[in-house]
Amino acid sequence: MGMANAALVLDLVQWVAVQPRSYEDVMAAGRTSCPRLTIREDAVEQNLLRRENLDALGAMVRVTPRGLMFLLLRGARRQADRPKIRS
């Protein structure tokens, strides 16, 4: 993961850490106009986020234990607002 992606991945993981998010919301939040920025893919590849299929709610995305450690090591705080993902 490049330096540009690291900050964006951190924003995404912080946002999901507040509460599990729908898969659709995570897809929309991580969307960029630059195909070189693979924010969602980087977070999943590093096992920071996990997709779960829940019958009642559909596909949801949660932070993994490794994702929580990622936040702790970076001194990150949970945020309630939509991540500021820019291309």
C-alpha atoms as a PDB file:
ATOM      1  CA  MET A   1       0.000   0.000   0.000  1.00  0.00           C
ATOM      2  CA  GLY A   2       1.396   3.360  -1.001  1.00  0.00           C
ATOM      3  CA  MET A   3       1.568   6.399   1.248  1.00  0.00           C
ATOM      4  CA  ALA A   4      -1.426   8.021  -0.462  1.00  0.00           C
ATOM      5  CA  ASN A   5      -3.514   4.913   0.075  1.00  0.00           C
ATOM      6  CA  ALA A   6      -2.441   4.491   3.715  1.00  0.00           C
ATOM      7  CA  ALA A   7      -4.244   7.635   4.865  1.00  0.00           C
ATOM      8  CA  LEU A   8      -7.344   6.784   2.840  1.00  0.00           C
ATOM      9  CA  VAL A   9      -7.413   3.203   4.143  1.00  0.00           C
ATOM     10  CA  LEU A  10      -7.111   4.583   7.673  1.00  0.00           C
ATOM     11  CA  ASP A  11     -10.107   6.875   7.057  1.00  0.00           C
ATOM     12  CA  LEU A  12     -12.173   3.979   5.704  1.00  0.00           C
ATOM     13  CA  VAL A  13     -11.308   1.630   8.588  1.00  0.00           C
ATOM     14  CA  GLN A  14     -12.069   4.382  11.133  1.00  0.00           C
ATOM     15  CA  TRP A  15     -15.469   4.964   9.557  1.00  0.00           C
ATOM     16  CA  VAL A  16     -16.391   1.264   9.566  1.00  0.00           C
ATOM     17  CA  ALA A  17     -15.136   0.925  13.166  1.00  0.00           C
ATOM     18  CA  VAL A  18     -17.917   3.234  14.369  1.00  0.00           C
ATOM     19  CA  GLN A  19     -20.501   0.621  13.360  1.00  0.00           C
ATOM     20  CA  PRO A  20     -20.799  -2.142  10.765  1.00  0.00           C
ATOM     21  CA  ARG A  21     -21.693  -0.666   7.383  1.00  0.00           C
ATOM     22  CA  SER A  22     -23.640  -2.089   4.492  1.00  0.00           C
ATOM     23  CA  TYR A  23     -21.544  -3.399   1.641  1.00  0.00           C
ATOM     24  CA  GLU A  24     -23.174  -0.855  -0.672  1.00  0.00           C
ATOM     25  CA  ASP A  25     -22.241   2.041   1.629  1.00  0.00           C
ATOM     26  CA  VAL A  26     -18.624   0.878   1.808  1.00  0.00           C
ATOM     27  CA  MET A  27     -18.468   0.494  -1.960  1.00  0.00           C
ATOM     28  CA  ALA A  28     -19.790   4.039  -2.397  1.00  0.00           C
ATOM     29  CA  ALA A  29     -17.509   5.512   0.278  1.00  0.00           C
ATOM     30  CA  GLY A  30     -14.393   3.918  -1.178  1.00  0.00           C
ATOM     31  CA  ARG A  31     -15.133   4.892  -4.754  1.00  0.00           C
ATOM     32  CA  THR A  32     -12.597   7.180  -6.401  1.00  0.00           C
ATOM     33  CA  SER A  33     -12.117   8.499  -9.892  1.00  0.00           C
ATOM     34  CA  CYS A  34      -8.551   7.182  -9.961  1.00  0.00           C
ATOM     35  CA  PRO A  35      -8.230   3.468 -10.796  1.00  0.00           C
ATOM     36  CA  ARG A  36      -4.812   3.393  -9.125  1.00  0.00           C
ATOM     37  CA  LEU A  37      -6.322   4.072  -5.704  1.00  0.00           C
ATOM     38  CA  THR A  38      -7.469   0.698  -4.436  1.00  0.00           C
ATOM     39  CA  ILE A  39      -8.654   1.723  -0.999  1.00  0.00           C
ATOM     40  CA  ARG A  40     -11.255  -0.968  -0.306  1.00  0.00           C
ATOM     41  CA  GLU A  41      -9.144  -3.650  -1.907  1.00  0.00           C
ATOM     42  CA  ASP A  42      -6.112  -2.686   0.194  1.00  0.00           C
ATOM     43  CA  ALA A  43      -8.150  -2.784   3.413  1.00  0.00           C
ATOM     44  CA  VAL A  44      -9.548  -6.237   2.599  1.00  0.00           C
ATOM     45  CA  GLU A  45      -6.207  -7.604   1.355  1.00  0.00           C
ATOM     46  CA  GLN A  46      -4.564  -6.562   4.629  1.00  0.00           C
ATOM     47  CA  ASN A  47      -7.402  -8.210   6.586  1.00  0.00           C
ATOM     48  CA  LEU A  48      -8.501  -4.892   8.107  1.00  0.00           C
ATOM     49  CA  LEU A  49     -12.109  -5.218   6.940  1.00  0.00           C
ATOM     50  CA  ARG A  50     -14.323  -8.261   6.458  1.00  0.00           C
ATOM     51  CA  ARG A  51     -17.558  -8.744   4.542  1.00  0.00           C
ATOM     52  CA  GLU A  52     -20.227 -10.857   6.227  1.00  0.00           C
ATOM     53  CA  ASN A  53     -23.545 -11.979   4.806  1.00  0.00           C
ATOM     54  CA  LEU A  54     -26.315 -11.555   7.366  1.00  0.00           C
ATOM     55  CA  ASP A  55     -29.719 -12.863   6.356  1.00  0.00           C
ATOM     56  CA  ALA A  56     -31.721 -10.009   7.826  1.00  0.00           C
ATOM     57  CA  LEU A  57     -29.366  -7.187   6.822  1.00  0.00           C
ATOM     58  CA  GLY A  58     -27.656  -8.519   3.718  1.00  0.00           C
ATOM     59  CA  ALA A  59     -23.947  -7.990   3.119  1.00  0.00           C
ATOM     60  CA  MET A  60     -22.281  -6.004   5.905  1.00  0.00           C
ATOM     61  CA  VAL A  61     -18.679  -4.878   6.360  1.00  0.00           C
ATOM     62  CA  ARG A  62     -16.997  -5.010   9.767  1.00  0.00           C
ATOM     63  CA  VAL A  63     -13.566  -4.166  11.116  1.00  0.00           C
ATOM     64  CA  THR A  64     -11.469  -7.231  11.922  1.00  0.00           C
ATOM     65  CA  PRO A  65      -9.344  -7.597  15.074  1.00  0.00           C
ATOM     66  CA  ARG A  66      -6.359  -6.767  12.889  1.00  0.00           C
ATOM     67  CA  GLY A  67      -8.186  -3.641  11.712  1.00  0.00           C
ATOM     68  CA  LEU A  68      -8.726  -2.542  15.311  1.00  0.00           C
ATOM     69  CA  MET A  69      -5.015  -3.068  15.988  1.00  0.00           C
ATOM     70  CA  PHE A  70      -4.243  -1.032  12.848  1.00  0.00           C
ATOM     71  CA  LEU A  71      -6.259   1.839  14.338  1.00  0.00           C
ATOM     72  CA  LEU A  72      -4.661   1.532  17.768  1.00  0.00           C
ATOM     73  CA  LEU A  73      -1.122   1.521  16.388  1.00  0.00           C
ATOM     74  CA  ARG A  74      -1.828   4.702  14.463  1.00  0.00           C
ATOM     75  CA  GLY A  75      -3.445   6.432  17.411  1.00  0.00           C
ATOM     76  CA  ALA A  76      -6.597   6.756  15.356  1.00  0.00           C
ATOM     77  CA  ARG A  77      -9.919   7.603  16.902  1.00  0.00           C
ATOM     78  CA  ARG A  78     -13.253   6.372  15.749  1.00  0.00           C
ATOM     79  CA  GLN A  79     -15.096   8.861  13.605  1.00  0.00           C
ATOM     80  CA  ALA A  80     -18.810   9.179  13.062  1.00  0.00           C
ATOM     81  CA  ASP A  81     -18.780  10.987   9.740  1.00  0.00           C
ATOM     82  CA  ARG A  82     -18.384   9.656   6.240  1.00  0.00           C
ATOM     83  CA  PRO A  83     -14.718   9.180   5.327  1.00  0.00           C
ATOM     84  CA  LYS A  84     -13.098  11.960   3.345  1.00  0.00           C
ATOM     85  CA  ILE A  85     -11.889   9.861   0.438  1.00  0.00           C
ATOM     86  CA  ARG A  86     -10.594  11.917  -2.425  1.00  0.00           C
ATOM     87  CA  SER A  87      -8.848  11.020  -5.632  1.00  0.00           C
END
